[in-house]
Amino acid sequence: MSNHFDIIIVGGGPAGLTAAVYARRANKSVLLLERSSMGGQIATSPRVDNFPAAAGLSGAELSDRLYAQAEELGARIELEEALEIRSGDIKTVITDYSTYTAKAIILATGMNHRTLGLPGEDTLSGISYCAVCDGAFYENKHVAVCGGGNSAVQEALFLCEICAHVTLIHRRSEFRADPILVDKVFAKSNITVLTDTVVEELESKDDALCGLRLVNKVTGSVTSMPIDGLFEAVGHIPETALAAKLGITEENQFVHADESCKTTAEGIFVAGDCREKKVRQMLTACADGAIAALAACDYCG
């Protein structure tokens, strides 16, 4: 089996999978590399209502459909981590398993979870970043969700159907989430909303989270809230280590590209949430994937 391709795509989220679909439809040989699991962030979303003609599906279902489409079209898909990219007329991608070459590369590496930066955050049990993944562990228990965007509000809405009570903690007075979602939160009798509030400390017992020390930013009051689990949804940071080594990231760590998703590195394109842009949604990630794939196809000739 040849290890040379027209296009190598790094990242198996909506942007990467869409790029694979478009590149294969243009009859280009395609390798897609994903280090963990297909679907990216959207795969953990319990329900997607803002993707055209697919309202009501879970993120996992949408991801599965994209994966199946790319695979059926003949894209080669490997669960490997890209460790290094060497530029040149022919690019080389070194993974934790093999080495591949291609004329063009599309970076669709997405973003990682941002943390609160508190001691014990990475060692205590009882802290999660995915309600769909871990919500069942907290059936009939009391949990908290930290964040103010769509992800945090959706996590709270999902958990309130499983848990006895959910406390939604947001550091600002107003939510960034869509108003329709916020309205649903306030309509739930087992969700308590705490605004202008930050988590100052994680309280623990026997290496497990047992409570949160909270500070109200307006009044300065400090309270301790017993809790069984904490779900963090406080944003993301771009996964652009590979791009940084190529010298194509900005100060904010995102990758700059023009409207064709072409970066400043010859034959390197970028798609999805790791690209510097204002709107980051599944729909715009898919759009990036299509644009980057078509531009990469033109580059390959």
Protein backbone atom coordinates (compact mmCIF):
# COMPACT_ATOMS: atom_id res chain seq x y z
CA MET A 1 0.00 0.00 0.00
CA SER A 2 1.48 3.32 -1.08
CA ASN A 3 2.27 5.97 1.53
CA HIS A 4 2.20 8.81 -1.00
CA PHE A 5 -0.97 10.84 -1.55
CA ASP A 6 -2.14 13.93 -3.35
CA ILE A 7 -3.50 15.38 -0.09
CA ILE A 8 -2.97 14.56 3.57
CA ILE A 9 -5.55 15.89 6.02
CA VAL A 10 -4.57 16.18 9.68
CA GLY A 11 -7.67 16.06 11.88
CA GLY A 12 -10.87 14.02 11.80
CA GLY A 13 -13.47 16.59 12.86
CA PRO A 14 -16.16 18.07 10.59
CA ALA A 15 -13.60 20.22 8.72
CA GLY A 16 -11.23 17.34 8.04
CA LEU A 17 -13.93 14.85 7.10
CA THR A 18 -15.62 17.34 4.77
CA ALA A 19 -12.26 18.08 3.15
CA ALA A 20 -11.80 14.34 2.58
CA VAL A 21 -15.22 14.10 0.92
CA TYR A 22 -14.56 17.00 -1.44
CA ALA A 23 -11.03 15.92 -2.30
CA ARG A 24 -12.14 12.38 -3.10
CA ARG A 25 -14.99 13.69 -5.24
CA ALA A 26 -12.28 15.51 -7.19
CA ASN A 27 -10.56 12.13 -7.62
CA LYS A 28 -7.53 13.01 -5.50
CA SER A 29 -5.85 10.38 -3.34
CA VAL A 30 -6.48 11.29 0.29
CA LEU A 31 -5.10 10.26 3.66
CA LEU A 32 -6.85 11.51 6.78
CA LEU A 33 -4.98 11.27 10.09
CA GLU A 34 -6.76 11.48 13.46
CA ARG A 35 -4.96 10.86 16.74
CA SER A 36 -7.91 9.99 18.99
CA SER A 37 -11.50 9.68 17.76
CA MET A 38 -13.48 10.85 14.77
CA GLY A 39 -15.83 13.80 14.90
CA GLY A 40 -13.91 16.33 16.96
CA GLN A 41 -15.78 18.46 19.51
CA ILE A 42 -19.17 18.01 17.87
CA ALA A 43 -19.10 14.25 18.51
CA THR A 44 -19.81 14.86 22.21
CA SER A 45 -22.75 17.22 21.64
CA PRO A 46 -26.03 15.63 22.79
CA ARG A 47 -28.13 17.43 20.21
CA VAL A 48 -27.44 19.63 17.19
CA ASP A 49 -30.25 21.97 16.17
CA ASN A 50 -28.41 24.54 14.04
CA PHE A 51 -27.07 22.38 11.20
CA PRO A 52 -29.23 22.72 8.06
CA ALA A 53 -31.55 19.76 7.36
CA ALA A 54 -30.16 17.80 10.31
CA ALA A 55 -31.89 19.36 13.33
CA GLY A 56 -32.35 17.02 16.25
CA LEU A 57 -29.48 14.67 15.47
CA SER A 58 -26.73 14.13 18.00
CA GLY A 59 -23.21 15.23 17.24
CA ALA A 60 -22.13 11.59 17.23
CA GLU A 61 -24.69 10.75 14.52
CA LEU A 62 -23.52 13.63 12.33
CA SER A 63 -19.89 12.60 12.83
CA ASP A 64 -20.67 8.99 11.95
CA ARG A 65 -22.38 10.07 8.73
CA LEU A 66 -19.44 12.26 7.71
CA TYR A 67 -16.98 9.45 8.48
CA ALA A 68 -19.01 6.90 6.51
CA GLN A 69 -19.27 9.23 3.53
CA ALA A 70 -15.52 9.90 3.42
CA GLU A 71 -14.73 6.21 3.79
CA GLU A 72 -17.22 5.14 1.12
CA LEU A 73 -15.66 7.63 -1.31
CA GLY A 74 -12.30 5.95 -0.82
CA ALA A 75 -10.41 8.18 1.61
CA ARG A 76 -7.81 6.29 3.60
CA ILE A 77 -8.36 7.00 7.28
CA GLU A 78 -5.78 6.17 9.94
CA LEU A 79 -5.86 6.63 13.72
CA GLU A 80 -2.37 8.03 14.04
CA GLU A 81 -0.93 11.18 15.58
CA ALA A 82 0.93 13.53 13.26
CA LEU A 83 4.13 14.46 15.10
CA GLU A 84 6.01 16.45 12.48
CA ILE A 85 5.47 18.02 9.07
CA ARG A 86 8.41 18.69 6.76
CA SER A 87 7.74 21.24 4.05
CA GLY A 88 8.99 21.22 0.48
CA ASP A 89 7.59 20.54 -2.95
CA ILE A 90 6.64 17.15 -1.56
CA LYS A 91 5.60 17.34 2.10
CA THR A 92 6.44 14.65 4.62
CA VAL A 93 4.23 13.83 7.60
CA ILE A 94 5.76 11.75 10.36
CA THR A 95 3.31 10.05 12.71
CA ASP A 96 3.66 7.86 15.79
CA TYR A 97 3.32 4.86 13.49
CA SER A 98 4.57 5.64 9.98
CA THR A 99 5.76 8.25 7.47
CA TYR A 100 3.68 9.64 4.61
CA THR A 101 4.23 12.08 1.77
CA ALA A 102 1.88 14.35 -0.18
CA LYS A 103 1.77 17.28 -2.55
CA ALA A 104 -0.58 19.26 -0.28
CA ILE A 105 -1.58 19.21 3.37
CA ILE A 106 -4.75 20.43 5.06
CA LEU A 107 -4.49 21.19 8.77
CA ALA A 108 -7.85 20.63 10.46
CA THR A 109 -6.59 20.06 13.98
CA GLY A 110 -9.37 21.89 15.81
CA MET A 111 -9.19 23.00 19.42
CA ASN A 112 -8.62 21.63 22.92
CA HIS A 113 -10.56 22.23 26.11
CA ARG A 114 -9.55 25.28 28.13
CA THR A 115 -9.26 24.64 31.86
CA LEU A 116 -9.87 26.77 34.94
CA GLY A 117 -6.19 26.56 35.90
CA LEU A 118 -6.86 25.44 39.47
CA PRO A 119 -4.69 23.12 41.60
CA GLY A 120 -5.91 19.53 41.41
CA GLU A 121 -7.80 20.07 38.19
CA ASP A 122 -5.82 17.45 36.30
CA THR A 123 -5.60 14.88 39.11
CA LEU A 124 -8.90 14.84 41.01
CA SER A 125 -11.67 12.47 40.02
CA GLY A 126 -15.06 14.08 39.51
CA ILE A 127 -14.02 16.59 36.85
CA SER A 128 -15.22 16.18 33.27
CA TYR A 129 -15.37 18.06 29.98
CA CYS A 130 -18.12 15.98 28.37
CA ALA A 131 -21.62 15.47 29.73
CA VAL A 132 -22.51 12.94 27.04
CA CYS A 133 -19.44 10.88 27.93
CA ASP A 134 -19.65 11.03 31.73
CA GLY A 135 -23.13 12.24 32.66
CA ALA A 136 -24.40 8.74 33.45
CA PHE A 137 -21.89 8.48 36.32
CA TYR A 138 -23.80 11.23 38.14
CA GLU A 139 -27.33 9.90 37.92
CA ASN A 140 -29.46 11.39 40.73
CA LYS A 141 -26.47 13.36 42.02
CA HIS A 142 -25.65 17.05 42.30
CA VAL A 143 -23.31 18.49 39.67
CA ALA A 144 -22.09 21.88 38.50
CA VAL A 145 -21.38 23.20 35.01
CA CYS A 146 -18.95 26.07 34.58
CA GLY A 147 -19.22 28.33 31.51
CA GLY A 148 -21.49 30.73 29.67
CA GLY A 149 -21.50 29.71 26.01
CA ASN A 150 -23.63 27.28 24.02
CA SER A 151 -21.54 24.30 25.14
CA ALA A 152 -22.03 25.05 28.84
CA VAL A 153 -25.77 25.64 28.49
CA GLN A 154 -26.23 22.47 26.44
CA GLU A 155 -24.26 20.49 29.02
CA ALA A 156 -26.54 21.80 31.78
CA LEU A 157 -29.68 20.95 29.80
CA PHE A 158 -28.42 17.44 29.11
CA LEU A 159 -27.37 16.80 32.71
CA CYS A 160 -30.61 18.05 34.25
CA GLU A 161 -32.36 15.05 32.68
CA ILE A 162 -29.99 12.69 34.51
CA CYS A 163 -28.91 14.43 37.68
CA ALA A 164 -30.92 15.44 40.73
CA HIS A 165 -29.73 19.01 40.44
CA VAL A 166 -27.45 21.10 38.23
CA THR A 167 -25.82 24.41 39.13
CA LEU A 168 -24.71 26.50 36.15
CA ILE A 169 -21.87 28.85 37.11
CA HIS A 170 -20.96 31.78 34.87
CA ARG A 171 -18.41 34.48 35.58
CA ARG A 172 -20.35 37.18 33.74
CA SER A 173 -23.81 38.65 34.27
CA GLU A 174 -25.06 37.67 30.82
CA PHE A 175 -24.64 34.48 28.81
CA ARG A 176 -22.98 34.25 25.41
CA ALA A 177 -25.15 31.27 24.55
CA ASP A 178 -28.08 31.50 22.15
CA PRO A 179 -31.08 33.09 23.92
CA ILE A 180 -33.30 30.14 23.04
CA LEU A 181 -31.00 27.83 24.98
CA VAL A 182 -30.72 30.19 27.93
CA ASP A 183 -34.51 30.39 28.13
CA LYS A 184 -34.66 26.59 28.34
CA VAL A 185 -32.20 26.62 31.25
CA PHE A 186 -34.26 29.09 33.26
CA ALA A 187 -37.37 27.01 32.60
CA LYS A 188 -35.85 23.94 34.28
CA SER A 189 -36.79 23.53 37.93
CA ASN A 190 -33.67 21.54 38.79
CA ILE A 191 -31.13 24.00 37.35
CA THR A 192 -29.79 26.82 39.51
CA VAL A 193 -28.00 29.65 37.72
CA LEU A 194 -25.18 31.55 39.44
CA THR A 195 -23.93 34.57 37.47
CA ASP A 196 -21.00 36.88 38.29
CA THR A 197 -19.48 33.89 40.03
CA VAL A 198 -16.11 32.15 39.67
CA VAL A 199 -14.72 28.90 41.02
CA GLU A 200 -11.82 29.90 43.26
CA GLU A 201 -10.88 26.51 44.63
CA LEU A 202 -11.62 22.82 44.17
CA GLU A 203 -12.41 21.08 47.45
CA SER A 204 -11.50 17.43 47.69
CA LYS A 205 -11.50 14.34 49.87
CA ASP A 206 -9.55 11.14 49.17
CA ASP A 207 -8.41 12.48 45.76
CA ALA A 208 -12.01 13.11 44.66
CA LEU A 209 -13.83 16.39 44.12
CA CYS A 210 -16.35 17.03 46.88
CA GLY A 211 -17.08 20.75 46.65
CA LEU A 212 -16.39 24.14 45.09
CA ARG A 213 -15.28 27.35 46.75
CA LEU A 214 -17.16 30.11 44.93
CA VAL A 215 -16.62 33.86 44.85
CA ASN A 216 -19.25 36.36 43.75
CA LYS A 217 -17.41 39.00 41.71
CA VAL A 218 -19.94 41.73 42.51
CA THR A 219 -20.45 41.28 46.26
CA GLY A 220 -17.16 39.57 47.08
CA SER A 221 -19.00 36.93 49.10
CA VAL A 222 -17.37 33.51 49.39
CA THR A 223 -19.39 30.30 49.65
CA SER A 224 -18.64 26.59 49.70
CA MET A 225 -20.91 24.36 47.64
CA PRO A 226 -20.87 20.56 48.09
CA ILE A 227 -20.87 18.87 44.70
CA ASP A 228 -20.48 15.38 43.23
CA GLY A 229 -19.07 16.42 39.87
CA LEU A 230 -17.92 19.43 37.87
CA PHE A 231 -18.31 19.78 34.10
CA GLU A 232 -16.06 22.45 32.61
CA ALA A 233 -17.13 24.27 29.44
CA VAL A 234 -15.05 27.43 29.59
CA GLY A 235 -13.82 27.59 26.03
CA HIS A 236 -11.09 26.11 23.93
CA ILE A 237 -7.57 26.80 22.74
CA PRO A 238 -6.37 26.04 19.20
CA GLU A 239 -4.47 22.82 18.61
CA THR A 240 -1.78 24.34 16.43
CA ALA A 241 1.54 22.88 17.60
CA LEU A 242 2.24 21.49 14.12
CA ALA A 243 1.37 24.80 12.50
CA ALA A 244 3.59 26.68 14.96
CA LYS A 245 6.58 24.58 13.93
CA LEU A 246 5.87 25.60 10.33
CA GLY A 247 5.83 29.26 11.39
CA ILE A 248 2.26 29.94 10.26
CA THR A 249 0.54 30.79 13.55
CA GLU A 250 -0.35 34.24 14.84
CA GLU A 251 0.28 35.58 18.35
CA ASN A 252 -3.11 34.23 19.41
CA GLN A 253 -1.98 30.74 18.31
CA PHE A 254 -4.52 30.52 15.48
CA VAL A 255 -3.49 29.95 11.88
CA HIS A 256 -4.03 32.86 9.50
CA ALA A 257 -5.28 32.08 6.01
CA ASP A 258 -7.01 33.86 3.16
CA GLU A 259 -10.52 33.08 1.94
CA SER A 260 -9.22 30.04 0.05
CA CYS A 261 -7.90 28.66 3.36
CA LYS A 262 -4.34 28.89 2.00
CA THR A 263 -1.67 29.63 4.61
CA THR A 264 1.61 31.44 4.08
CA ALA A 265 3.38 28.08 3.73
CA GLU A 266 3.44 26.71 0.19
CA GLY A 267 0.96 23.88 -0.27
CA ILE A 268 -0.33 24.05 3.32
CA PHE A 269 -4.02 24.79 3.88
CA VAL A 270 -6.05 25.16 7.08
CA ALA A 271 -9.70 24.46 7.89
CA GLY A 272 -11.98 24.57 10.90
CA ASP A 273 -11.67 25.96 14.39
CA CYS A 274 -7.88 26.24 14.35
CA ARG A 275 -8.17 28.87 11.60
CA GLU A 276 -8.25 32.53 12.62
CA LYS A 277 -11.85 33.66 12.09
CA LYS A 278 -14.82 35.14 13.92
CA VAL A 279 -17.43 32.38 13.69
CA ARG A 280 -16.66 28.84 14.86
CA GLN A 281 -19.56 26.49 14.25
CA MET A 282 -19.88 23.04 12.74
CA LEU A 283 -21.34 24.64 9.62
CA THR A 284 -18.37 26.99 9.14
CA ALA A 285 -15.94 24.13 9.83
CA CYS A 286 -17.55 22.10 7.05
CA ALA A 287 -17.42 25.14 4.76
CA ASP A 288 -13.71 25.55 5.52
CA GLY A 289 -13.16 21.88 4.75
CA ALA A 290 -14.80 22.17 1.35
CA ILE A 291 -12.92 25.38 0.47
CA ALA A 292 -9.55 24.06 1.64
CA ALA A 293 -10.05 20.79 -0.26
CA LEU A 294 -10.91 22.52 -3.52
CA ALA A 295 -7.94 24.89 -3.14
CA ALA A 296 -5.64 21.96 -2.37
CA CYS A 297 -6.97 20.10 -5.43
CA ASP A 298 -6.17 23.11 -7.62
CA TYR A 299 -2.69 23.26 -6.08
CA CYS A 300 -2.07 19.58 -6.83
CA GLY A 301 -3.14 20.13 -10.44
